[in-house]
């Protein structure tokens, strides 16, 4: 009986200490400063040179570029709103964006690395009578999801203590029942 009780206690203690720990991973450093620069003025019909900074994507990886806004834009001379390109050996890239002749409002150029999921986006604000305002955003890297408990340690220790107390009461009741059964014979 003592061996069974000891085994139950060991299993309860092991399950208490076998709590999931959060997973951590090293995230790659994004490039310092803006992830992309634009040469040219964002005006109707204008062609702009977009340069993605080195390290914006993984070296030599494919990345998808998407432009959203009114009308049909041209990417590298092709009338399309999205295109797949290859990053340089240093993780940079380049793109020619031609705005439509009737361009108005804002156009968002977003690029995402296919394998690394590193992303970069910038907004082109088209104003016909004033120079365009270009707002690059910082590069982002994927973040690993938290997979551990967010329960405070005192609550976990209290729960473990209650489990051990319950196991001790169950053992005491089993011993008492067994000793009563032995006396009645």
N, C-alpha and C. Protein backbone atom coordinates (compact mmCIF):
# COMPACT_ATOMS: atom_id res chain seq x y z
N UNK A 1 0.83 -1.20 0.00
CA UNK A 1 0.00 0.00 0.00
C UNK A 1 0.87 1.26 0.00
N UNK A 2 1.97 1.17 0.76
CA UNK A 2 2.85 2.34 0.82
C UNK A 2 3.44 2.66 -0.55
N UNK A 3 3.79 1.63 -1.31
CA UNK A 3 4.37 1.84 -2.64
C UNK A 3 3.35 2.49 -3.57
N UNK A 4 2.08 2.06 -3.47
CA UNK A 4 1.04 2.66 -4.30
C UNK A 4 0.84 4.13 -3.90
N UNK A 5 0.83 4.40 -2.63
CA UNK A 5 0.66 5.78 -2.14
C UNK A 5 1.82 6.66 -2.61
N UNK A 6 3.01 6.10 -2.53
CA UNK A 6 4.19 6.84 -2.97
C UNK A 6 4.14 7.09 -4.48
N UNK A 7 3.66 6.11 -5.25
CA UNK A 7 3.54 6.28 -6.69
C UNK A 7 2.51 7.36 -7.03
N UNK A 8 1.37 7.37 -6.33
CA UNK A 8 0.35 8.40 -6.55
C UNK A 8 0.91 9.77 -6.22
N UNK A 9 1.62 9.87 -5.12
CA UNK A 9 2.21 11.15 -4.72
C UNK A 9 3.24 11.61 -5.76
N UNK A 10 4.06 10.69 -6.27
CA UNK A 10 5.08 11.04 -7.27
C UNK A 10 4.42 11.51 -8.56
N UNK A 11 3.35 10.84 -8.99
CA UNK A 11 2.66 11.26 -10.21
C UNK A 11 2.03 12.63 -10.03
N UNK A 12 1.41 12.88 -8.86
CA UNK A 12 0.81 14.19 -8.60
C UNK A 12 1.87 15.28 -8.58
N UNK A 13 3.00 15.00 -7.96
CA UNK A 13 4.08 16.00 -7.90
C UNK A 13 4.66 16.25 -9.29
N UNK A 14 4.84 15.19 -10.08
CA UNK A 14 5.40 15.35 -11.42
C UNK A 14 4.45 16.14 -12.31
N UNK A 15 3.14 15.87 -12.21
CA UNK A 15 2.19 16.62 -13.04
C UNK A 15 2.13 18.08 -12.62
N UNK A 16 2.36 18.35 -11.35
CA UNK A 16 2.36 19.74 -10.88
C UNK A 16 3.55 20.52 -11.47
N UNK A 17 4.71 19.88 -11.54
CA UNK A 17 5.90 20.57 -12.02
C UNK A 17 6.06 20.49 -13.54
N UNK A 18 5.22 19.74 -14.22
CA UNK A 18 5.31 19.60 -15.67
C UNK A 18 4.42 20.63 -16.37
N UNK A 19 4.46 21.86 -15.93
CA UNK A 19 3.66 22.92 -16.55
C UNK A 19 4.35 23.40 -17.82
N UNK A 20 3.55 23.84 -18.76
CA UNK A 20 4.09 24.34 -20.03
C UNK A 20 4.83 25.65 -19.80
N UNK A 21 5.98 25.77 -20.39
CA UNK A 21 6.75 27.01 -20.33
C UNK A 21 6.55 27.76 -21.64
N UNK A 22 6.54 29.08 -21.60
CA UNK A 22 6.36 29.83 -22.85
C UNK A 22 7.54 29.61 -23.79
N UNK A 23 7.24 29.55 -25.08
CA UNK A 23 8.28 29.38 -26.09
C UNK A 23 8.86 30.73 -26.46
N UNK A 24 10.15 30.82 -26.53
CA UNK A 24 10.82 32.06 -26.91
C UNK A 24 11.68 31.77 -28.13
N UNK A 25 11.78 32.75 -28.99
CA UNK A 25 12.63 32.61 -30.16
C UNK A 25 13.31 33.94 -30.42
N UNK A 26 14.44 33.88 -31.06
CA UNK A 26 15.17 35.08 -31.41
C UNK A 26 14.57 35.62 -32.71
N UNK A 27 14.14 36.86 -32.69
CA UNK A 27 13.62 37.45 -33.91
C UNK A 27 14.73 38.23 -34.60
N UNK A 28 14.79 38.16 -35.92
CA UNK A 28 15.84 38.88 -36.62
C UNK A 28 15.63 40.39 -36.49
N UNK A 29 16.72 41.10 -36.52
CA UNK A 29 16.65 42.55 -36.38
C UNK A 29 16.14 43.19 -37.66
N UNK A 30 15.16 44.07 -37.57
CA UNK A 30 14.74 44.80 -38.77
C UNK A 30 15.77 45.87 -39.10
N UNK A 31 15.80 46.33 -40.33
CA UNK A 31 16.75 47.38 -40.66
C UNK A 31 16.45 48.64 -39.88
N UNK A 32 17.48 49.39 -39.54
CA UNK A 32 17.29 50.64 -38.81
C UNK A 32 16.68 51.68 -39.74
N UNK A 33 15.80 52.50 -39.20
CA UNK A 33 15.18 53.56 -39.99
C UNK A 33 14.10 53.02 -40.90
N UNK A 34 13.69 53.80 -41.87
CA UNK A 34 12.64 53.36 -42.79
C UNK A 34 13.10 52.16 -43.62
N UNK A 35 12.18 51.28 -43.91
CA UNK A 35 12.52 50.08 -44.67
C UNK A 35 12.55 50.34 -46.16
N UNK A 36 12.02 51.48 -46.59
CA UNK A 36 12.00 51.78 -48.03
C UNK A 36 12.12 53.28 -48.24
N UNK A 37 12.69 53.65 -49.38
CA UNK A 37 12.77 55.05 -49.76
C UNK A 37 12.15 55.20 -51.15
N UNK A 38 11.65 56.40 -51.43
CA UNK A 38 11.00 56.67 -52.71
C UNK A 38 11.69 57.85 -53.36
N UNK A 39 12.02 57.69 -54.63
CA UNK A 39 12.58 58.78 -55.43
C UNK A 39 11.53 59.22 -56.43
N UNK A 40 11.28 60.50 -56.50
CA UNK A 40 10.28 61.03 -57.42
C UNK A 40 9.14 61.67 -56.66
N UNK A 41 8.24 62.29 -57.40
CA UNK A 41 7.09 62.96 -56.82
C UNK A 41 5.84 62.18 -57.18
N UNK A 42 5.04 61.86 -56.18
CA UNK A 42 3.81 61.09 -56.40
C UNK A 42 2.73 62.01 -56.96
N UNK A 43 2.70 62.10 -58.26
CA UNK A 43 1.71 62.92 -58.97
C UNK A 43 1.01 62.03 -59.99
N UNK A 44 -0.15 62.42 -60.49
CA UNK A 44 -0.83 61.60 -61.48
C UNK A 44 0.08 61.31 -62.68
N UNK A 45 0.19 60.02 -63.04
CA UNK A 45 1.00 59.59 -64.16
C UNK A 45 2.49 59.50 -63.89
N UNK A 46 2.94 59.82 -62.69
CA UNK A 46 4.37 59.83 -62.37
C UNK A 46 4.89 58.41 -62.12
N UNK A 47 6.17 58.22 -62.44
CA UNK A 47 6.85 56.96 -62.15
C UNK A 47 7.79 57.20 -60.98
N UNK A 48 7.66 56.38 -59.96
CA UNK A 48 8.45 56.52 -58.74
C UNK A 48 9.36 55.30 -58.58
N UNK A 49 10.56 55.54 -58.11
CA UNK A 49 11.50 54.45 -57.82
C UNK A 49 11.43 54.13 -56.33
N UNK A 50 11.03 52.92 -56.01
CA UNK A 50 10.95 52.48 -54.62
C UNK A 50 12.14 51.55 -54.37
N UNK A 51 12.93 51.86 -53.34
CA UNK A 51 14.08 51.04 -52.97
C UNK A 51 13.87 50.49 -51.56
N UNK A 52 13.86 49.16 -51.44
CA UNK A 52 13.75 48.52 -50.14
C UNK A 52 15.14 48.37 -49.55
N UNK A 53 15.30 48.76 -48.29
CA UNK A 53 16.60 48.76 -47.63
C UNK A 53 17.18 47.36 -47.52
N UNK A 54 18.52 47.28 -47.49
CA UNK A 54 19.20 46.01 -47.25
C UNK A 54 18.74 45.46 -45.90
N UNK A 55 18.45 44.17 -45.84
CA UNK A 55 17.99 43.55 -44.61
C UNK A 55 16.48 43.60 -44.45
N UNK A 56 15.80 44.27 -45.36
CA UNK A 56 14.34 44.33 -45.29
C UNK A 56 13.75 42.93 -45.48
N UNK A 57 14.37 42.12 -46.33
CA UNK A 57 13.96 40.74 -46.58
C UNK A 57 15.16 39.84 -46.32
N UNK A 58 14.94 38.54 -46.30
CA UNK A 58 16.05 37.59 -46.19
C UNK A 58 16.84 37.64 -47.50
N UNK A 59 18.14 37.39 -47.45
CA UNK A 59 18.94 37.42 -48.68
C UNK A 59 18.40 36.48 -49.76
N UNK A 60 18.29 36.98 -50.96
CA UNK A 60 17.89 36.23 -52.15
C UNK A 60 16.50 35.59 -52.08
N UNK A 61 15.65 36.02 -51.17
CA UNK A 61 14.32 35.42 -51.10
C UNK A 61 13.35 36.13 -52.03
N UNK A 62 12.27 35.46 -52.36
CA UNK A 62 11.20 36.05 -53.15
C UNK A 62 10.34 36.90 -52.21
N UNK A 63 9.84 38.02 -52.71
CA UNK A 63 8.92 38.83 -51.92
C UNK A 63 7.78 39.30 -52.81
N UNK A 64 6.59 39.42 -52.21
CA UNK A 64 5.40 39.85 -52.93
C UNK A 64 5.16 41.33 -52.67
N UNK A 65 4.92 42.08 -53.75
CA UNK A 65 4.62 43.51 -53.65
C UNK A 65 3.18 43.72 -54.09
N UNK A 66 2.44 44.49 -53.31
CA UNK A 66 1.06 44.81 -53.64
C UNK A 66 0.87 46.31 -53.49
N UNK A 67 0.17 46.92 -54.46
CA UNK A 67 -0.15 48.34 -54.39
C UNK A 67 -1.67 48.47 -54.37
N UNK A 68 -2.17 49.19 -53.37
CA UNK A 68 -3.61 49.42 -53.29
C UNK A 68 -3.87 50.91 -53.47
N UNK A 69 -4.93 51.24 -54.15
CA UNK A 69 -5.32 52.62 -54.41
C UNK A 69 -6.25 52.64 -55.62
N UNK A 70 -6.74 53.82 -55.95
CA UNK A 70 -7.70 53.96 -57.05
C UNK A 70 -6.99 53.84 -58.40
N UNK A 71 -7.61 53.13 -59.34
CA UNK A 71 -7.05 53.02 -60.68
C UNK A 71 -6.05 51.88 -60.80
N UNK A 72 -5.52 51.72 -62.00
CA UNK A 72 -4.56 50.65 -62.29
C UNK A 72 -3.14 51.22 -62.29
N UNK A 73 -2.30 50.68 -61.43
CA UNK A 73 -0.90 51.10 -61.38
C UNK A 73 -0.08 50.17 -62.25
N UNK A 74 1.13 50.60 -62.53
CA UNK A 74 2.08 49.76 -63.26
C UNK A 74 3.27 49.49 -62.34
N UNK A 75 3.63 48.22 -62.23
CA UNK A 75 4.79 47.82 -61.45
C UNK A 75 5.84 47.31 -62.42
N UNK A 76 6.98 47.95 -62.43
CA UNK A 76 8.07 47.61 -63.35
C UNK A 76 7.57 47.51 -64.80
N UNK A 77 6.67 48.42 -65.17
CA UNK A 77 6.17 48.49 -66.55
C UNK A 77 5.03 47.54 -66.87
N UNK A 78 4.54 46.79 -65.87
CA UNK A 78 3.44 45.86 -66.09
C UNK A 78 2.20 46.39 -65.37
N UNK A 79 1.07 46.44 -66.07
CA UNK A 79 -0.17 46.94 -65.48
C UNK A 79 -0.74 45.87 -64.55
N UNK A 80 -0.39 45.94 -63.29
CA UNK A 80 -0.83 44.96 -62.29
C UNK A 80 -0.77 45.60 -60.91
N UNK A 81 -1.56 45.09 -59.98
CA UNK A 81 -1.55 45.61 -58.61
C UNK A 81 -0.64 44.79 -57.70
N UNK A 82 -0.15 43.63 -58.18
CA UNK A 82 0.75 42.81 -57.35
C UNK A 82 1.77 42.11 -58.23
N UNK A 83 2.90 41.81 -57.62
CA UNK A 83 4.01 41.20 -58.37
C UNK A 83 4.94 40.50 -57.39
N UNK A 84 5.58 39.42 -57.84
CA UNK A 84 6.59 38.73 -57.05
C UNK A 84 7.96 39.11 -57.60
N UNK A 85 8.86 39.49 -56.68
CA UNK A 85 10.21 39.91 -57.06
C UNK A 85 11.22 39.11 -56.24
N UNK A 86 12.49 39.20 -56.62
CA UNK A 86 13.57 38.53 -55.88
C UNK A 86 14.40 39.59 -55.16
N UNK A 87 14.67 39.35 -53.90
CA UNK A 87 15.51 40.26 -53.12
C UNK A 87 16.97 40.08 -53.54
N UNK A 88 17.76 41.08 -53.24
CA UNK A 88 19.19 41.01 -53.53
C UNK A 88 19.88 40.11 -52.52
N UNK A 89 21.16 39.87 -52.72
CA UNK A 89 21.91 39.03 -51.78
C UNK A 89 22.06 39.67 -50.41
N UNK A 90 21.77 40.96 -50.31
CA UNK A 90 21.81 41.64 -49.01
C UNK A 90 20.41 41.88 -48.45
N UNK A 91 19.38 41.33 -49.10
CA UNK A 91 18.01 41.44 -48.58
C UNK A 91 17.29 42.71 -48.97
N UNK A 92 17.79 43.44 -49.94
CA UNK A 92 17.13 44.66 -50.41
C UNK A 92 16.32 44.39 -51.66
N UNK A 93 15.79 45.44 -52.24
CA UNK A 93 15.03 45.28 -53.47
C UNK A 93 14.71 46.63 -54.09
N UNK A 94 14.23 46.60 -55.32
CA UNK A 94 13.87 47.83 -56.02
C UNK A 94 12.64 47.58 -56.87
N UNK A 95 11.91 48.66 -57.13
CA UNK A 95 10.65 48.56 -57.86
C UNK A 95 10.32 49.91 -58.49
N UNK A 96 9.77 49.89 -59.70
CA UNK A 96 9.29 51.11 -60.35
C UNK A 96 7.76 51.08 -60.27
N UNK A 97 7.16 52.13 -59.68
CA UNK A 97 5.71 52.23 -59.56
C UNK A 97 5.26 53.42 -60.39
N UNK A 98 4.37 53.16 -61.37
CA UNK A 98 3.80 54.24 -62.19
C UNK A 98 2.35 54.40 -61.79
N UNK A 99 2.01 55.60 -61.32
CA UNK A 99 0.65 55.89 -60.89
C UNK A 99 -0.24 56.16 -62.11
N UNK A 100 -1.55 55.92 -61.98
CA UNK A 100 -2.44 56.19 -63.11
C UNK A 100 -2.52 57.69 -63.42
N UNK A 101 -2.96 58.02 -64.63
CA UNK A 101 -3.08 59.42 -65.04
C UNK A 101 -4.10 60.18 -64.19
N UNK A 102 -5.09 59.47 -63.69
CA UNK A 102 -6.13 60.12 -62.87
C UNK A 102 -5.95 59.82 -61.39
N UNK A 103 -4.70 59.59 -60.95
CA UNK A 103 -4.42 59.22 -59.56
C UNK A 103 -4.84 60.31 -58.59
N UNK A 104 -5.54 59.91 -57.54
CA UNK A 104 -5.91 60.82 -56.44
C UNK A 104 -5.87 60.02 -55.15
N UNK A 105 -5.72 60.70 -54.05
CA UNK A 105 -5.74 60.05 -52.74
C UNK A 105 -4.43 59.39 -52.39
N UNK A 106 -4.53 58.25 -51.71
CA UNK A 106 -3.35 57.55 -51.21
C UNK A 106 -3.20 56.20 -51.89
N UNK A 107 -1.95 55.80 -52.06
CA UNK A 107 -1.60 54.48 -52.58
C UNK A 107 -0.66 53.85 -51.55
N UNK A 108 -0.94 52.60 -51.20
CA UNK A 108 -0.11 51.89 -50.22
C UNK A 108 0.68 50.82 -50.97
N UNK A 109 2.00 50.89 -50.83
CA UNK A 109 2.89 49.88 -51.40
C UNK A 109 3.32 48.98 -50.24
N UNK A 110 2.96 47.70 -50.32
CA UNK A 110 3.30 46.75 -49.26
C UNK A 110 4.09 45.59 -49.86
N UNK A 111 5.15 45.20 -49.19
CA UNK A 111 5.98 44.08 -49.63
C UNK A 111 6.16 43.12 -48.46
N UNK A 112 6.05 41.80 -48.75
CA UNK A 112 6.20 40.78 -47.72
C UNK A 112 7.09 39.67 -48.26
N UNK A 113 8.12 39.32 -47.50
CA UNK A 113 8.99 38.21 -47.87
C UNK A 113 8.23 36.89 -47.83
N UNK A 114 8.35 36.07 -48.86
CA UNK A 114 7.59 34.83 -48.94
C UNK A 114 8.01 33.87 -47.84
N UNK A 115 9.30 33.68 -47.63
CA UNK A 115 9.78 32.73 -46.63
C UNK A 115 9.88 33.36 -45.24
N UNK A 116 10.46 34.54 -45.15
CA UNK A 116 10.72 35.15 -43.84
C UNK A 116 9.52 35.88 -43.26
N UNK A 117 8.55 36.23 -44.09
CA UNK A 117 7.37 37.00 -43.70
C UNK A 117 7.74 38.39 -43.17
N UNK A 118 8.96 38.84 -43.45
CA UNK A 118 9.34 40.21 -43.10
C UNK A 118 8.55 41.14 -44.02
N UNK A 119 8.09 42.26 -43.48
CA UNK A 119 7.25 43.13 -44.29
C UNK A 119 7.71 44.57 -44.21
N UNK A 120 7.31 45.32 -45.22
CA UNK A 120 7.63 46.74 -45.31
C UNK A 120 6.50 47.38 -46.10
N UNK A 121 6.06 48.54 -45.66
CA UNK A 121 5.02 49.23 -46.42
C UNK A 121 5.28 50.73 -46.37
N UNK A 122 4.74 51.41 -47.37
CA UNK A 122 4.83 52.86 -47.41
C UNK A 122 3.58 53.40 -48.07
N UNK A 123 3.25 54.64 -47.75
CA UNK A 123 2.06 55.28 -48.29
C UNK A 123 2.47 56.44 -49.17
N UNK A 124 1.90 56.47 -50.36
CA UNK A 124 2.13 57.58 -51.30
C UNK A 124 0.86 58.42 -51.31
N UNK A 125 0.96 59.65 -50.86
CA UNK A 125 -0.19 60.56 -50.88
C UNK A 125 -0.07 61.45 -52.11
N UNK A 126 -1.02 61.33 -53.03
CA UNK A 126 -1.00 62.08 -54.28
C UNK A 126 -1.80 63.36 -54.08
N UNK A 127 -1.11 64.48 -54.30
CA UNK A 127 -1.77 65.78 -54.26
C UNK A 127 -1.35 66.49 -55.54
N UNK A 128 -2.33 66.80 -56.41
CA UNK A 128 -1.96 67.35 -57.72
C UNK A 128 -1.30 68.71 -57.67
N UNK A 129 -1.68 69.57 -56.74
CA UNK A 129 -1.10 70.91 -56.75
C UNK A 129 0.09 71.06 -55.80
N UNK A 130 0.34 70.07 -54.97
CA UNK A 130 1.44 70.14 -54.00
C UNK A 130 2.33 68.92 -54.16
N UNK A 131 3.57 69.01 -53.70
CA UNK A 131 4.41 67.81 -53.73
C UNK A 131 3.80 66.71 -52.87
N UNK A 132 4.04 65.49 -53.25
CA UNK A 132 3.47 64.35 -52.52
C UNK A 132 4.16 64.16 -51.17
N UNK A 133 3.40 63.61 -50.27
CA UNK A 133 3.92 63.27 -48.96
C UNK A 133 4.11 61.76 -48.94
N UNK A 134 5.33 61.33 -48.71
CA UNK A 134 5.64 59.90 -48.67
C UNK A 134 5.93 59.54 -47.23
N UNK A 135 5.20 58.55 -46.71
CA UNK A 135 5.36 58.16 -45.33
C UNK A 135 5.80 56.71 -45.25
N UNK A 136 7.11 56.45 -45.17
CA UNK A 136 7.53 55.06 -45.00
C UNK A 136 7.29 54.61 -43.57
N UNK A 137 7.03 53.34 -43.40
CA UNK A 137 6.84 52.78 -42.07
C UNK A 137 8.02 51.88 -41.74
N UNK A 138 8.17 51.60 -40.47
CA UNK A 138 9.27 50.73 -40.04
C UNK A 138 9.01 49.30 -40.48
N UNK A 139 10.07 48.56 -40.69
CA UNK A 139 9.95 47.16 -41.07
C UNK A 139 9.42 46.36 -39.89
N UNK A 140 8.69 45.32 -40.17
CA UNK A 140 8.19 44.46 -39.11
C UNK A 140 8.67 43.05 -39.36
N UNK A 141 8.83 42.33 -38.28
CA UNK A 141 9.20 40.93 -38.39
C UNK A 141 8.12 40.12 -37.70
N UNK A 142 7.94 38.88 -38.11
CA UNK A 142 6.90 38.08 -37.46
C UNK A 142 7.24 37.85 -35.99
N UNK A 143 6.23 37.76 -35.18
CA UNK A 143 6.40 37.57 -33.74
C UNK A 143 5.87 36.19 -33.38
N UNK A 144 6.62 35.46 -32.59
CA UNK A 144 6.21 34.14 -32.17
C UNK A 144 5.11 34.26 -31.13
N UNK A 145 4.07 33.50 -31.26
CA UNK A 145 2.93 33.54 -30.34
C UNK A 145 3.35 33.02 -28.98
N UNK A 146 2.75 33.59 -27.94
CA UNK A 146 2.98 33.12 -26.59
C UNK A 146 2.23 31.81 -26.42
N UNK A 147 2.91 30.76 -25.93
CA UNK A 147 2.28 29.45 -25.82
C UNK A 147 2.26 28.94 -24.39
N UNK A 148 2.63 29.73 -23.42
CA UNK A 148 2.68 29.26 -22.04
C UNK A 148 1.51 29.78 -21.22
N UNK A 149 1.54 29.44 -19.95
CA UNK A 149 0.52 29.90 -19.02
C UNK A 149 0.73 31.36 -18.68
N UNK A 150 -0.38 32.08 -18.50
CA UNK A 150 -0.30 33.44 -18.00
C UNK A 150 -0.85 33.51 -16.57
N UNK A 151 -0.97 32.34 -15.94
CA UNK A 151 -1.51 32.27 -14.59
C UNK A 151 -0.38 32.61 -13.61
N UNK A 152 -0.66 33.45 -12.59
CA UNK A 152 0.39 33.79 -11.63
C UNK A 152 0.86 32.56 -10.85
N UNK A 153 2.12 32.56 -10.48
CA UNK A 153 2.72 31.42 -9.79
C UNK A 153 2.04 31.10 -8.46
N UNK A 154 1.63 32.09 -7.63
CA UNK A 154 0.94 31.72 -6.38
C UNK A 154 -0.34 30.92 -6.63
N UNK A 155 -1.05 31.21 -7.71
CA UNK A 155 -2.27 30.46 -8.01
C UNK A 155 -1.91 29.02 -8.39
N UNK A 156 -0.83 28.85 -9.15
CA UNK A 156 -0.39 27.50 -9.51
C UNK A 156 0.06 26.71 -8.29
N UNK A 157 0.79 27.36 -7.38
CA UNK A 157 1.24 26.69 -6.17
C UNK A 157 0.07 26.32 -5.28
N UNK A 158 -0.92 27.20 -5.20
CA UNK A 158 -2.12 26.90 -4.41
C UNK A 158 -2.85 25.70 -4.98
N UNK A 159 -3.00 25.67 -6.31
CA UNK A 159 -3.68 24.54 -6.95
C UNK A 159 -2.91 23.25 -6.71
N UNK A 160 -1.59 23.30 -6.80
CA UNK A 160 -0.78 22.12 -6.54
C UNK A 160 -0.90 21.66 -5.10
N UNK A 161 -0.95 22.61 -4.18
CA UNK A 161 -1.12 22.27 -2.76
C UNK A 161 -2.46 21.61 -2.51
N UNK A 162 -3.51 22.12 -3.15
CA UNK A 162 -4.83 21.51 -2.99
C UNK A 162 -4.86 20.09 -3.55
N UNK A 163 -4.16 19.87 -4.64
CA UNK A 163 -4.09 18.51 -5.21
C UNK A 163 -3.38 17.57 -4.23
N UNK A 164 -2.30 18.04 -3.63
CA UNK A 164 -1.57 17.19 -2.67
C UNK A 164 -2.41 16.93 -1.43
N UNK A 165 -3.13 17.93 -0.95
CA UNK A 165 -4.00 17.73 0.22
C UNK A 165 -5.10 16.73 -0.11
N UNK A 166 -5.69 16.86 -1.32
CA UNK A 166 -6.71 15.90 -1.74
C UNK A 166 -6.17 14.50 -1.83
N UNK A 167 -4.95 14.34 -2.33
CA UNK A 167 -4.33 13.02 -2.42
C UNK A 167 -4.09 12.45 -1.03
N UNK A 168 -3.66 13.29 -0.09
CA UNK A 168 -3.42 12.83 1.28
C UNK A 168 -4.73 12.39 1.94
N UNK A 169 -5.81 13.13 1.73
CA UNK A 169 -7.11 12.76 2.31
C UNK A 169 -7.59 11.44 1.71
N UNK A 170 -7.42 11.28 0.38
CA UNK A 170 -7.83 10.03 -0.26
C UNK A 170 -7.04 8.85 0.29
N UNK A 171 -5.75 9.04 0.51
CA UNK A 171 -4.93 7.97 1.09
C UNK A 171 -5.38 7.62 2.50
N UNK A 172 -5.67 8.66 3.29
CA UNK A 172 -6.11 8.41 4.66
C UNK A 172 -7.43 7.66 4.68
N UNK A 173 -8.35 8.02 3.79
CA UNK A 173 -9.64 7.34 3.74
C UNK A 173 -9.47 5.89 3.29
N UNK A 174 -8.57 5.67 2.33
CA UNK A 174 -8.33 4.30 1.86
C UNK A 174 -7.73 3.45 2.96
N UNK A 175 -6.81 4.00 3.72
CA UNK A 175 -6.20 3.25 4.82
C UNK A 175 -7.23 2.93 5.89
N UNK A 176 -8.07 3.92 6.19
CA UNK A 176 -9.08 3.73 7.23
C UNK A 176 -10.07 2.65 6.80
N UNK A 177 -10.48 2.69 5.53
CA UNK A 177 -11.41 1.69 5.05
C UNK A 177 -10.77 0.31 5.07
N UNK A 178 -9.51 0.23 4.72
CA UNK A 178 -8.81 -1.05 4.70
C UNK A 178 -8.64 -1.59 6.13
N UNK A 179 -8.29 -0.69 7.03
CA UNK A 179 -8.10 -1.17 8.42
C UNK A 179 -9.44 -1.58 9.01
N UNK A 180 -10.54 -0.93 8.66
CA UNK A 180 -11.86 -1.34 9.14
C UNK A 180 -12.27 -2.67 8.56
N UNK A 181 -11.92 -2.93 7.32
CA UNK A 181 -12.23 -4.20 6.68
C UNK A 181 -11.44 -5.33 7.30
N UNK A 182 -10.19 -5.06 7.71
CA UNK A 182 -9.36 -6.09 8.34
C UNK A 182 -9.88 -6.43 9.72
N UNK A 183 -10.46 -5.47 10.46
CA UNK A 183 -10.95 -5.71 11.82
C UNK A 183 -12.24 -6.56 11.80
N UNK A 184 -13.03 -6.38 10.78
CA UNK A 184 -14.31 -7.09 10.75
C UNK A 184 -14.17 -8.57 10.42
N UNK A 185 -13.06 -9.02 10.00
CA UNK A 185 -12.87 -10.44 9.65
C UNK A 185 -12.71 -11.27 10.83
